[in-house]
N, C-alpha and C. Protein backbone atom coordinates (compact mmCIF):
# COMPACT_ATOMS: atom_id res chain seq x y z
N MET A 1 0.83 -1.18 0.00
CA MET A 1 0.00 0.00 0.00
C MET A 1 0.88 1.25 0.00
N THR A 2 0.30 2.33 -0.39
CA THR A 2 1.03 3.59 -0.45
C THR A 2 0.82 4.38 0.84
N ALA A 3 1.44 5.55 0.88
CA ALA A 3 1.34 6.40 2.06
C ALA A 3 -0.02 7.07 2.18
N GLY A 4 -0.84 7.00 1.14
CA GLY A 4 -2.14 7.66 1.15
C GLY A 4 -3.14 6.96 2.05
N TRP A 5 -4.06 7.76 2.59
CA TRP A 5 -5.10 7.22 3.45
C TRP A 5 -6.17 6.56 2.61
N ILE A 6 -6.73 5.46 3.12
CA ILE A 6 -7.91 4.86 2.52
C ILE A 6 -9.06 5.00 3.51
N GLY A 7 -10.26 5.05 2.97
CA GLY A 7 -11.43 5.21 3.82
C GLY A 7 -11.90 6.66 3.83
N THR A 8 -13.20 6.83 3.90
CA THR A 8 -13.76 8.18 3.88
C THR A 8 -14.68 8.44 5.06
N GLY A 9 -14.97 7.42 5.84
CA GLY A 9 -15.87 7.58 6.98
C GLY A 9 -15.12 7.86 8.26
N LYS A 10 -15.64 7.32 9.36
CA LYS A 10 -15.02 7.51 10.68
C LYS A 10 -13.69 6.79 10.80
N VAL A 11 -13.49 5.75 10.00
CA VAL A 11 -12.26 4.95 10.08
C VAL A 11 -11.45 5.16 8.80
N ARG A 12 -10.17 5.44 8.98
CA ARG A 12 -9.25 5.57 7.85
C ARG A 12 -7.97 4.81 8.21
N ALA A 13 -7.21 4.43 7.19
CA ALA A 13 -5.97 3.70 7.44
C ALA A 13 -4.96 4.00 6.34
N ARG A 14 -3.71 3.78 6.69
CA ARG A 14 -2.62 3.88 5.72
C ARG A 14 -1.50 2.97 6.17
N GLU A 15 -0.63 2.65 5.23
CA GLU A 15 0.57 1.87 5.53
C GLU A 15 1.76 2.62 4.99
N LEU A 16 2.74 2.86 5.86
CA LEU A 16 3.91 3.62 5.49
C LEU A 16 5.14 2.99 6.14
N ASP A 17 6.07 2.54 5.33
CA ASP A 17 7.31 1.94 5.81
C ASP A 17 7.07 0.79 6.79
N GLY A 18 6.10 -0.05 6.50
CA GLY A 18 5.82 -1.22 7.33
C GLY A 18 4.97 -0.96 8.55
N VAL A 19 4.56 0.29 8.75
CA VAL A 19 3.70 0.64 9.88
C VAL A 19 2.29 0.89 9.37
N VAL A 20 1.33 0.17 9.93
CA VAL A 20 -0.07 0.40 9.60
C VAL A 20 -0.64 1.33 10.66
N GLU A 21 -1.26 2.40 10.22
CA GLU A 21 -1.88 3.35 11.12
C GLU A 21 -3.37 3.43 10.79
N ILE A 22 -4.19 3.26 11.81
CA ILE A 22 -5.64 3.32 11.66
C ILE A 22 -6.14 4.41 12.60
N THR A 23 -7.01 5.28 12.10
CA THR A 23 -7.60 6.30 12.96
C THR A 23 -9.12 6.13 12.97
N VAL A 24 -9.68 6.36 14.14
CA VAL A 24 -11.13 6.32 14.32
C VAL A 24 -11.51 7.68 14.90
N GLU A 25 -12.31 8.43 14.15
CA GLU A 25 -12.72 9.76 14.60
C GLU A 25 -13.86 9.66 15.60
N GLY A 26 -13.80 10.49 16.64
CA GLY A 26 -14.85 10.53 17.64
C GLY A 26 -14.62 9.53 18.75
N LEU A 27 -15.27 9.77 19.89
CA LEU A 27 -15.16 8.87 21.04
C LEU A 27 -16.54 8.54 21.57
N THR A 28 -16.65 7.37 22.15
CA THR A 28 -17.83 6.96 22.89
C THR A 28 -17.35 6.25 24.14
N THR A 29 -18.21 6.13 25.12
CA THR A 29 -17.81 5.43 26.35
C THR A 29 -17.94 3.92 26.20
N GLN A 30 -18.50 3.45 25.11
CA GLN A 30 -18.72 2.02 24.89
C GLN A 30 -17.60 1.43 24.05
N ALA A 31 -16.68 0.72 24.68
CA ALA A 31 -15.56 0.11 23.95
C ALA A 31 -16.06 -0.85 22.88
N LYS A 32 -17.17 -1.54 23.16
CA LYS A 32 -17.69 -2.54 22.21
C LYS A 32 -18.15 -1.91 20.89
N TYR A 33 -18.38 -0.60 20.88
CA TYR A 33 -18.78 0.12 19.67
C TYR A 33 -17.69 0.03 18.60
N TYR A 34 -16.43 0.01 19.01
CA TYR A 34 -15.32 0.09 18.08
C TYR A 34 -15.06 -1.20 17.32
N LYS A 35 -15.35 -2.34 17.93
CA LYS A 35 -15.05 -3.61 17.28
C LYS A 35 -15.76 -3.75 15.94
N PRO A 36 -17.10 -3.63 15.86
CA PRO A 36 -17.73 -3.78 14.55
C PRO A 36 -17.37 -2.66 13.58
N LEU A 37 -17.14 -1.46 14.09
CA LEU A 37 -16.80 -0.33 13.24
C LEU A 37 -15.47 -0.57 12.52
N VAL A 38 -14.44 -0.92 13.28
CA VAL A 38 -13.12 -1.16 12.69
C VAL A 38 -13.12 -2.46 11.90
N TYR A 39 -13.79 -3.50 12.40
CA TYR A 39 -13.85 -4.78 11.69
C TYR A 39 -14.45 -4.60 10.30
N GLU A 40 -15.56 -3.87 10.19
CA GLU A 40 -16.20 -3.66 8.88
C GLU A 40 -15.29 -2.89 7.94
N PHE A 41 -14.57 -1.92 8.46
CA PHE A 41 -13.62 -1.18 7.64
C PHE A 41 -12.55 -2.14 7.10
N MET A 42 -11.98 -2.94 7.98
CA MET A 42 -10.92 -3.86 7.56
C MET A 42 -11.46 -4.86 6.54
N ARG A 43 -12.64 -5.36 6.76
CA ARG A 43 -13.23 -6.35 5.86
C ARG A 43 -13.49 -5.76 4.48
N LYS A 44 -13.96 -4.54 4.42
CA LYS A 44 -14.35 -3.94 3.15
C LYS A 44 -13.24 -3.18 2.45
N GLU A 45 -12.34 -2.57 3.20
CA GLU A 45 -11.38 -1.64 2.61
C GLU A 45 -9.93 -2.15 2.57
N TRP A 46 -9.55 -3.04 3.51
CA TRP A 46 -8.15 -3.42 3.65
C TRP A 46 -7.81 -4.52 2.66
N THR A 47 -6.71 -4.36 1.93
CA THR A 47 -6.36 -5.33 0.90
C THR A 47 -5.15 -6.19 1.24
N SER A 48 -4.34 -5.78 2.21
CA SER A 48 -3.16 -6.57 2.57
C SER A 48 -3.57 -7.82 3.32
N ARG A 49 -2.71 -8.81 3.29
CA ARG A 49 -2.94 -10.07 3.98
C ARG A 49 -2.23 -10.08 5.32
N PRO A 50 -2.76 -10.83 6.31
CA PRO A 50 -2.08 -10.93 7.61
C PRO A 50 -0.76 -11.66 7.47
N SER A 51 0.13 -11.38 8.40
CA SER A 51 1.46 -12.00 8.40
C SER A 51 1.70 -12.70 9.73
N TRP A 52 2.72 -13.56 9.74
CA TRP A 52 3.16 -14.21 10.96
C TRP A 52 4.30 -13.42 11.57
N GLY A 53 4.67 -13.74 12.77
CA GLY A 53 5.75 -13.05 13.47
C GLY A 53 5.19 -12.22 14.61
N ASP A 54 6.09 -11.62 15.37
CA ASP A 54 5.70 -10.79 16.51
C ASP A 54 5.39 -9.37 16.06
N TYR A 55 4.41 -8.76 16.73
CA TYR A 55 3.98 -7.41 16.40
C TYR A 55 3.94 -6.51 17.62
N VAL A 56 4.09 -5.22 17.36
CA VAL A 56 3.88 -4.18 18.35
C VAL A 56 2.58 -3.47 17.97
N VAL A 57 1.72 -3.27 18.96
CA VAL A 57 0.47 -2.54 18.75
C VAL A 57 0.44 -1.38 19.74
N GLU A 58 0.25 -0.18 19.22
CA GLU A 58 0.14 1.01 20.03
C GLU A 58 -1.24 1.62 19.80
N ILE A 59 -1.97 1.83 20.87
CA ILE A 59 -3.31 2.41 20.79
C ILE A 59 -3.32 3.68 21.63
N VAL A 60 -3.72 4.79 21.02
CA VAL A 60 -3.77 6.07 21.71
C VAL A 60 -5.17 6.65 21.57
N MET A 61 -5.78 6.94 22.71
CA MET A 61 -7.07 7.62 22.72
C MET A 61 -6.81 9.09 23.02
N GLU A 62 -7.21 9.97 22.11
CA GLU A 62 -7.10 11.40 22.33
C GLU A 62 -8.48 11.93 22.69
N HIS A 63 -8.55 12.74 23.74
CA HIS A 63 -9.83 13.30 24.16
C HIS A 63 -9.68 14.80 24.34
N VAL A 64 -10.81 15.51 24.27
CA VAL A 64 -10.87 16.94 24.51
C VAL A 64 -11.59 17.12 25.84
N GLY A 65 -10.98 17.83 26.77
CA GLY A 65 -11.58 17.98 28.09
C GLY A 65 -11.37 16.74 28.93
N ASP A 66 -12.35 16.44 29.77
CA ASP A 66 -12.25 15.28 30.65
C ASP A 66 -12.25 13.99 29.83
N PRO A 67 -11.44 13.00 30.22
CA PRO A 67 -11.44 11.74 29.49
C PRO A 67 -12.76 11.00 29.68
N PRO A 68 -13.19 10.26 28.65
CA PRO A 68 -14.42 9.49 28.80
C PRO A 68 -14.24 8.36 29.81
N TRP A 69 -15.33 7.93 30.41
CA TRP A 69 -15.30 6.83 31.37
C TRP A 69 -15.26 5.52 30.60
N MET A 70 -14.06 5.12 30.23
CA MET A 70 -13.88 3.88 29.48
C MET A 70 -12.62 3.18 29.98
N ASP A 71 -12.73 1.89 30.20
CA ASP A 71 -11.56 1.10 30.59
C ASP A 71 -10.70 0.87 29.36
N LEU A 72 -9.44 1.26 29.43
CA LEU A 72 -8.56 1.11 28.28
C LEU A 72 -8.32 -0.35 27.93
N ASP A 73 -8.37 -1.25 28.91
CA ASP A 73 -8.17 -2.67 28.60
C ASP A 73 -9.31 -3.20 27.73
N ASN A 74 -10.53 -2.73 27.97
CA ASN A 74 -11.66 -3.15 27.13
C ASN A 74 -11.54 -2.58 25.72
N LEU A 75 -11.07 -1.34 25.63
CA LEU A 75 -10.85 -0.73 24.32
C LEU A 75 -9.81 -1.52 23.54
N ALA A 76 -8.70 -1.87 24.19
CA ALA A 76 -7.63 -2.62 23.53
C ALA A 76 -8.15 -3.97 23.03
N LYS A 77 -8.90 -4.67 23.85
CA LYS A 77 -9.43 -5.98 23.46
C LYS A 77 -10.34 -5.86 22.24
N ALA A 78 -11.23 -4.87 22.25
CA ALA A 78 -12.15 -4.68 21.13
C ALA A 78 -11.39 -4.38 19.83
N LEU A 79 -10.38 -3.54 19.92
CA LEU A 79 -9.62 -3.18 18.72
C LEU A 79 -8.75 -4.32 18.23
N LEU A 80 -8.13 -5.06 19.15
CA LEU A 80 -7.34 -6.22 18.74
C LEU A 80 -8.22 -7.26 18.05
N ASP A 81 -9.41 -7.48 18.58
CA ASP A 81 -10.34 -8.42 17.94
C ASP A 81 -10.72 -7.95 16.54
N ALA A 82 -10.84 -6.65 16.34
CA ALA A 82 -11.25 -6.11 15.05
C ALA A 82 -10.17 -6.23 13.99
N ILE A 83 -8.90 -6.11 14.36
CA ILE A 83 -7.82 -6.15 13.36
C ILE A 83 -7.21 -7.54 13.20
N LYS A 84 -7.51 -8.44 14.13
CA LYS A 84 -7.01 -9.81 14.04
C LYS A 84 -7.55 -10.45 12.76
N GLY A 85 -6.67 -11.11 12.04
CA GLY A 85 -7.06 -11.72 10.78
C GLY A 85 -6.84 -10.82 9.58
N TYR A 86 -6.52 -9.56 9.84
CA TYR A 86 -6.25 -8.61 8.76
C TYR A 86 -4.81 -8.11 8.79
N LEU A 87 -4.28 -7.85 9.98
CA LEU A 87 -2.90 -7.39 10.10
C LEU A 87 -1.99 -8.49 10.61
N PHE A 88 -2.49 -9.33 11.47
CA PHE A 88 -1.79 -10.51 11.97
C PHE A 88 -2.83 -11.60 12.14
N HIS A 89 -2.38 -12.84 12.28
CA HIS A 89 -3.31 -13.96 12.34
C HIS A 89 -4.00 -14.14 13.69
N ASP A 90 -3.28 -13.84 14.78
CA ASP A 90 -3.81 -14.13 16.11
C ASP A 90 -3.26 -13.14 17.13
N ASP A 91 -4.06 -12.88 18.17
CA ASP A 91 -3.62 -11.98 19.25
C ASP A 91 -2.31 -12.41 19.89
N SER A 92 -2.03 -13.69 19.86
CA SER A 92 -0.81 -14.19 20.49
C SER A 92 0.45 -13.65 19.80
N GLN A 93 0.30 -13.07 18.62
CA GLN A 93 1.44 -12.47 17.91
C GLN A 93 1.79 -11.08 18.45
N VAL A 94 0.94 -10.52 19.28
CA VAL A 94 1.21 -9.20 19.85
C VAL A 94 2.21 -9.37 20.99
N ALA A 95 3.45 -8.97 20.72
CA ALA A 95 4.53 -9.13 21.69
C ALA A 95 4.68 -7.89 22.57
N ARG A 96 4.16 -6.77 22.10
CA ARG A 96 4.20 -5.53 22.89
C ARG A 96 2.92 -4.78 22.62
N LEU A 97 2.25 -4.36 23.70
CA LEU A 97 0.99 -3.63 23.58
C LEU A 97 1.05 -2.40 24.46
N LEU A 98 0.87 -1.23 23.85
CA LEU A 98 0.84 0.03 24.58
C LEU A 98 -0.53 0.64 24.37
N VAL A 99 -1.21 0.97 25.46
CA VAL A 99 -2.52 1.61 25.39
C VAL A 99 -2.48 2.82 26.31
N GLU A 100 -2.77 3.98 25.77
CA GLU A 100 -2.73 5.18 26.58
C GLU A 100 -3.79 6.18 26.14
N ARG A 101 -4.09 7.13 27.02
CA ARG A 101 -4.98 8.21 26.66
C ARG A 101 -4.34 9.52 27.08
N HIS A 102 -4.64 10.55 26.32
CA HIS A 102 -4.18 11.89 26.68
C HIS A 102 -5.04 12.93 25.99
N GLU A 103 -4.97 14.14 26.48
CA GLU A 103 -5.74 15.22 25.88
C GLU A 103 -5.13 15.57 24.53
N GLY A 104 -5.99 15.83 23.57
CA GLY A 104 -5.53 16.16 22.23
C GLY A 104 -6.37 17.28 21.63
N GLU A 105 -6.12 17.56 20.36
CA GLU A 105 -6.85 18.61 19.66
C GLU A 105 -8.22 18.14 19.19
N ARG A 106 -8.40 16.83 19.05
CA ARG A 106 -9.68 16.28 18.63
C ARG A 106 -9.87 14.92 19.27
N GLU A 107 -11.11 14.45 19.28
CA GLU A 107 -11.40 13.14 19.86
C GLU A 107 -11.21 12.07 18.80
N ARG A 108 -10.29 11.17 19.05
CA ARG A 108 -10.02 10.10 18.10
C ARG A 108 -9.18 9.01 18.77
N ILE A 109 -9.15 7.90 18.10
CA ILE A 109 -8.30 6.77 18.50
C ILE A 109 -7.36 6.47 17.35
N THR A 110 -6.10 6.30 17.67
CA THR A 110 -5.11 5.94 16.67
C THR A 110 -4.51 4.60 17.05
N ILE A 111 -4.44 3.71 16.08
CA ILE A 111 -3.84 2.38 16.27
C ILE A 111 -2.66 2.30 15.33
N ARG A 112 -1.49 1.96 15.86
CA ARG A 112 -0.31 1.73 15.04
C ARG A 112 0.13 0.29 15.23
N VAL A 113 0.37 -0.40 14.13
CA VAL A 113 0.76 -1.81 14.17
C VAL A 113 1.98 -2.00 13.29
N PHE A 114 3.02 -2.63 13.84
CA PHE A 114 4.21 -2.89 13.05
C PHE A 114 4.95 -4.11 13.58
N PRO A 115 5.73 -4.75 12.72
CA PRO A 115 6.49 -5.92 13.17
C PRO A 115 7.50 -5.55 14.25
N ARG A 116 7.66 -6.45 15.21
CA ARG A 116 8.66 -6.23 16.26
C ARG A 116 10.00 -6.68 15.73
N ASN A 117 11.01 -5.85 15.93
CA ASN A 117 12.36 -6.20 15.44
C ASN A 117 13.10 -7.06 16.43
């Protein structure tokens, strides 16, 4: 894939130098909302095949004002379930997982996935 973004809705993605970056615009307090949203995007828009090996997954929730009442572990599980089978074959391939939230300029979630060296 090229450096250009694919997707026109709430979910967009790109691949650049072996790093896949997925953004989800907007926030909700329901972590389970993200699984079908990202899964449908991957199913319909993503053309690359999953690979074997160890991966690093970084998930960042950006919020404006007070952070939403959401458990980050539930968010991580929902997003890993959504990308499994598209970027890697199984969750067991995730050798490093970083999940964090911080105040940002807009409400969104960014997922970065890349092979572990």
